């Protein structure tokens, strides 16, 4: 049997875990994580009616980028498309969506991070993660 102190400890731990991840209040709300992120950490975002989940694996000084792009209105997942690409350090890849909306991802120096960038602006310095 569980003692009262064990139940209380589990309740506190559950509160910290759920509260710490900032889960949405409703299932319809989308979680965003815009980065910059380190290896194997996800970037979660939306653009132009599309959703995207992306992460990378370091490969020397390259970023092995994996991204899944899908229609936000598609509950079946049938519209999901996977993208795999190897980016050199500081190289940018553009992922285009509808209505001239696009998203640009950039590999950091020595594959230390991946981040969303404005494709029209040259990024000179990386902010701290």
C-alpha atoms as a PDB file:
ATOM      1  CA  UNK A   1       0.000   0.000   0.000  1.00  0.00           C
ATOM      2  CA  UNK A   2       1.003   3.584  -0.531  1.00  0.00           C
ATOM      3  CA  UNK A   3       1.473   5.742   2.482  1.00  0.00           C
ATOM      4  CA  UNK A   4       0.096   9.264   2.565  1.00  0.00           C
ATOM      5  CA  UNK A   5       3.607  10.701   2.237  1.00  0.00           C
ATOM      6  CA  UNK A   6       4.274   8.637  -0.914  1.00  0.00           C
ATOM      7  CA  UNK A   7       0.997   9.778  -2.473  1.00  0.00           C
ATOM      8  CA  UNK A   8       1.828  13.401  -1.648  1.00  0.00           C
ATOM      9  CA  UNK A   9       5.320  12.998  -3.130  1.00  0.00           C
ATOM     10  CA  UNK A  10       3.866  11.517  -6.331  1.00  0.00           C
ATOM     11  CA  UNK A  11       1.382  14.398  -6.594  1.00  0.00           C
ATOM     12  CA  UNK A  12       4.163  16.979  -6.213  1.00  0.00           C
ATOM     13  CA  UNK A  13       6.324  15.186  -8.777  1.00  0.00           C
ATOM     14  CA  UNK A  14       3.409  14.987 -11.214  1.00  0.00           C
ATOM     15  CA  UNK A  15       2.741  18.687 -10.814  1.00  0.00           C
ATOM     16  CA  UNK A  16       6.388  19.544 -11.459  1.00  0.00           C
ATOM     17  CA  UNK A  17       6.591  17.323 -14.532  1.00  0.00           C
ATOM     18  CA  UNK A  18       3.381  18.601 -16.139  1.00  0.00           C
ATOM     19  CA  UNK A  19       3.974  22.218 -15.132  1.00  0.00           C
ATOM     20  CA  UNK A  20       7.612  22.115 -16.183  1.00  0.00           C
ATOM     21  CA  UNK A  21       6.812  21.174 -19.767  1.00  0.00           C
ATOM     22  CA  UNK A  22       4.258  23.943 -20.175  1.00  0.00           C
ATOM     23  CA  UNK A  23       1.595  21.690 -21.645  1.00  0.00           C
ATOM     24  CA  UNK A  24      -1.338  23.449 -23.288  1.00  0.00           C
ATOM     25  CA  UNK A  25      -4.585  23.763 -21.383  1.00  0.00           C
ATOM     26  CA  UNK A  26      -6.599  22.317 -24.267  1.00  0.00           C
ATOM     27  CA  UNK A  27      -5.804  19.535 -26.713  1.00  0.00           C
ATOM     28  CA  UNK A  28      -6.449  21.896 -29.646  1.00  0.00           C
ATOM     29  CA  UNK A  29      -3.691  24.288 -28.559  1.00  0.00           C
ATOM     30  CA  UNK A  30      -0.382  23.697 -30.312  1.00  0.00           C
ATOM     31  CA  UNK A  31       2.865  23.635 -28.384  1.00  0.00           C
ATOM     32  CA  UNK A  32       5.677  25.688 -29.914  1.00  0.00           C
ATOM     33  CA  UNK A  33       9.384  25.330 -29.282  1.00  0.00           C
ATOM     34  CA  UNK A  34      11.249  27.739 -31.535  1.00  0.00           C
ATOM     35  CA  UNK A  35      14.843  27.107 -30.479  1.00  0.00           C
ATOM     36  CA  UNK A  36      17.661  27.421 -30.880  1.00  0.00           C
ATOM     37  CA  UNK A  37      17.968  23.765 -29.945  1.00  0.00           C
ATOM     38  CA  UNK A  38      20.801  21.340 -29.358  1.00  0.00           C
ATOM     39  CA  UNK A  39      21.164  17.860 -30.865  1.00  0.00           C
ATOM     40  CA  UNK A  40      18.037  15.675 -30.741  1.00  0.00           C
ATOM     41  CA  UNK A  41      15.907  18.521 -29.276  1.00  0.00           C
ATOM     42  CA  UNK A  42      12.778  19.329 -31.319  1.00  0.00           C
ATOM     43  CA  UNK A  43      11.766  22.576 -32.931  1.00  0.00           C
ATOM     44  CA  UNK A  44       7.944  22.692 -33.042  1.00  0.00           C
ATOM     45  CA  UNK A  45       6.218  25.468 -34.976  1.00  0.00           C
ATOM     46  CA  UNK A  46       3.597  26.412 -37.555  1.00  0.00           C
ATOM     47  CA  UNK A  47       3.709  28.540 -40.709  1.00  0.00           C
ATOM     48  CA  UNK A  48       1.126  29.222 -43.418  1.00  0.00           C
ATOM     49  CA  UNK A  49      -1.306  26.460 -42.413  1.00  0.00           C
ATOM     50  CA  UNK A  50       1.518  23.941 -41.983  1.00  0.00           C
ATOM     51  CA  UNK A  51       3.000  22.406 -38.866  1.00  0.00           C
ATOM     52  CA  UNK A  52       6.619  21.332 -38.542  1.00  0.00           C
ATOM     53  CA  UNK A  53       8.632  19.162 -36.191  1.00  0.00           C
ATOM     54  CA  UNK A  54      12.398  19.266 -36.771  1.00  0.00           C
ATOM     55  CA  UNK A  55      15.541  18.088 -35.016  1.00  0.00           C
ATOM     56  CA  UNK A  56      19.115  17.328 -35.972  1.00  0.00           C
ATOM     57  CA  UNK A  57      21.937  14.941 -35.246  1.00  0.00           C
ATOM     58  CA  UNK A  58      25.480  16.325 -35.293  1.00  0.00           C
ATOM     59  CA  UNK A  59      27.731  14.740 -37.908  1.00  0.00           C
ATOM     60  CA  UNK A  60      31.141  16.288 -37.418  1.00  0.00           C
ATOM     61  CA  UNK A  61      30.603  19.957 -38.258  1.00  0.00           C
ATOM     62  CA  UNK A  62      27.390  19.156 -40.195  1.00  0.00           C
ATOM     63  CA  UNK A  63      23.781  19.036 -39.000  1.00  0.00           C
ATOM     64  CA  UNK A  64      21.852  15.952 -40.088  1.00  0.00           C
ATOM     65  CA  UNK A  65      18.444  17.645 -40.222  1.00  0.00           C
ATOM     66  CA  UNK A  66      15.191  15.687 -39.997  1.00  0.00           C
ATOM     67  CA  UNK A  67      11.890  17.537 -40.432  1.00  0.00           C
ATOM     68  CA  UNK A  68       8.266  16.508 -40.803  1.00  0.00           C
ATOM     69  CA  UNK A  69       5.906  19.043 -42.366  1.00  0.00           C
ATOM     70  CA  UNK A  70       2.133  18.497 -42.348  1.00  0.00           C
ATOM     71  CA  UNK A  71      -1.174  20.312 -42.944  1.00  0.00           C
ATOM     72  CA  UNK A  72      -2.608  21.566 -39.663  1.00  0.00           C
ATOM     73  CA  UNK A  73      -6.123  20.589 -40.780  1.00  0.00           C
ATOM     74  CA  UNK A  74      -5.130  16.963 -41.498  1.00  0.00           C
ATOM     75  CA  UNK A  75      -5.998  14.819 -38.491  1.00  0.00           C
ATOM     76  CA  UNK A  76      -5.107  11.565 -40.286  1.00  0.00           C
ATOM     77  CA  UNK A  77      -1.464  12.499 -40.931  1.00  0.00           C
ATOM     78  CA  UNK A  78      -1.783  11.608 -44.622  1.00  0.00           C
ATOM     79  CA  UNK A  79      -0.267  14.941 -45.735  1.00  0.00           C
ATOM     80  CA  UNK A  80       2.904  14.579 -43.663  1.00  0.00           C
ATOM     81  CA  UNK A  81       6.151  14.791 -45.623  1.00  0.00           C
ATOM     82  CA  UNK A  82       9.571  13.975 -44.195  1.00  0.00           C
ATOM     83  CA  UNK A  83      12.669  15.930 -45.170  1.00  0.00           C
ATOM     84  CA  UNK A  84      16.241  14.779 -44.499  1.00  0.00           C
ATOM     85  CA  UNK A  85      19.185  16.963 -45.395  1.00  0.00           C
ATOM     86  CA  UNK A  86      22.770  17.472 -44.301  1.00  0.00           C
ATOM     87  CA  UNK A  87      23.626  21.113 -43.634  1.00  0.00           C
ATOM     88  CA  UNK A  88      27.103  22.553 -43.391  1.00  0.00           C
ATOM     89  CA  UNK A  89      27.868  24.843 -40.462  1.00  0.00           C
ATOM     90  CA  UNK A  90      25.906  28.125 -40.841  1.00  0.00           C
ATOM     91  CA  UNK A  91      24.069  26.804 -43.924  1.00  0.00           C
ATOM     92  CA  UNK A  92      20.355  27.619 -44.246  1.00  0.00           C
ATOM     93  CA  UNK A  93      17.547  25.495 -45.678  1.00  0.00           C
ATOM     94  CA  UNK A  94      14.183  27.020 -46.643  1.00  0.00           C
ATOM     95  CA  UNK A  95      10.961  25.042 -46.302  1.00  0.00           C
ATOM     96  CA  UNK A  96       8.149  26.606 -48.318  1.00  0.00           C
ATOM     97  CA  UNK A  97       4.472  26.459 -47.460  1.00  0.00           C
ATOM     98  CA  UNK A  98       1.308  27.895 -48.977  1.00  0.00           C
ATOM     99  CA  UNK A  99       0.559  31.587 -49.408  1.00  0.00           C
ATOM    100  CA  UNK A 100       4.243  32.452 -49.845  1.00  0.00           C
ATOM    101  CA  UNK A 101       4.957  31.453 -46.251  1.00  0.00           C
ATOM    102  CA  UNK A 102       8.268  29.776 -45.612  1.00  0.00           C
ATOM    103  CA  UNK A 103      10.472  28.793 -42.727  1.00  0.00           C
ATOM    104  CA  UNK A 104      14.269  28.832 -42.683  1.00  0.00           C
ATOM    105  CA  UNK A 105      16.452  26.645 -40.469  1.00  0.00           C
ATOM    106  CA  UNK A 106      20.164  27.233 -39.919  1.00  0.00           C
ATOM    107  CA  UNK A 107      22.863  24.873 -38.661  1.00  0.00           C
ATOM    108  CA  UNK A 108      25.169  26.421 -36.079  1.00  0.00           C
ATOM    109  CA  UNK A 109      28.942  26.539 -35.982  1.00  0.00           C
ATOM    110  CA  UNK A 110      30.381  23.056 -35.407  1.00  0.00           C
ATOM    111  CA  UNK A 111      26.800  21.642 -35.393  1.00  0.00           C
ATOM    112  CA  UNK A 112      26.240  22.991 -31.880  1.00  0.00           C
ATOM    113  CA  UNK A 113      22.646  24.168 -32.509  1.00  0.00           C
ATOM    114  CA  UNK A 114      19.768  24.454 -34.957  1.00  0.00           C
ATOM    115  CA  UNK A 115      17.582  27.531 -35.118  1.00  0.00           C
ATOM    116  CA  UNK A 116      14.865  29.277 -37.060  1.00  0.00           C
ATOM    117  CA  UNK A 117      16.170  32.328 -38.907  1.00  0.00           C
ATOM    118  CA  UNK A 118      14.783  35.098 -41.061  1.00  0.00           C
ATOM    119  CA  UNK A 119      15.946  34.036 -44.530  1.00  0.00           C
ATOM    120  CA  UNK A 120      16.230  37.650 -45.684  1.00  0.00           C
ATOM    121  CA  UNK A 121      18.723  38.566 -42.950  1.00  0.00           C
ATOM    122  CA  UNK A 122      22.302  37.365 -42.587  1.00  0.00           C
ATOM    123  CA  UNK A 123      22.732  36.078 -39.064  1.00  0.00           C
ATOM    124  CA  UNK A 124      26.041  37.258 -37.634  1.00  0.00           C
ATOM    125  CA  UNK A 125      25.831  36.058 -34.027  1.00  0.00           C
ATOM    126  CA  UNK A 126      24.083  33.168 -32.327  1.00  0.00           C
ATOM    127  CA  UNK A 127      22.148  33.914 -29.138  1.00  0.00           C
ATOM    128  CA  UNK A 128      22.766  31.744 -26.121  1.00  0.00           C
ATOM    129  CA  UNK A 129      20.582  28.631 -25.810  1.00  0.00           C
END
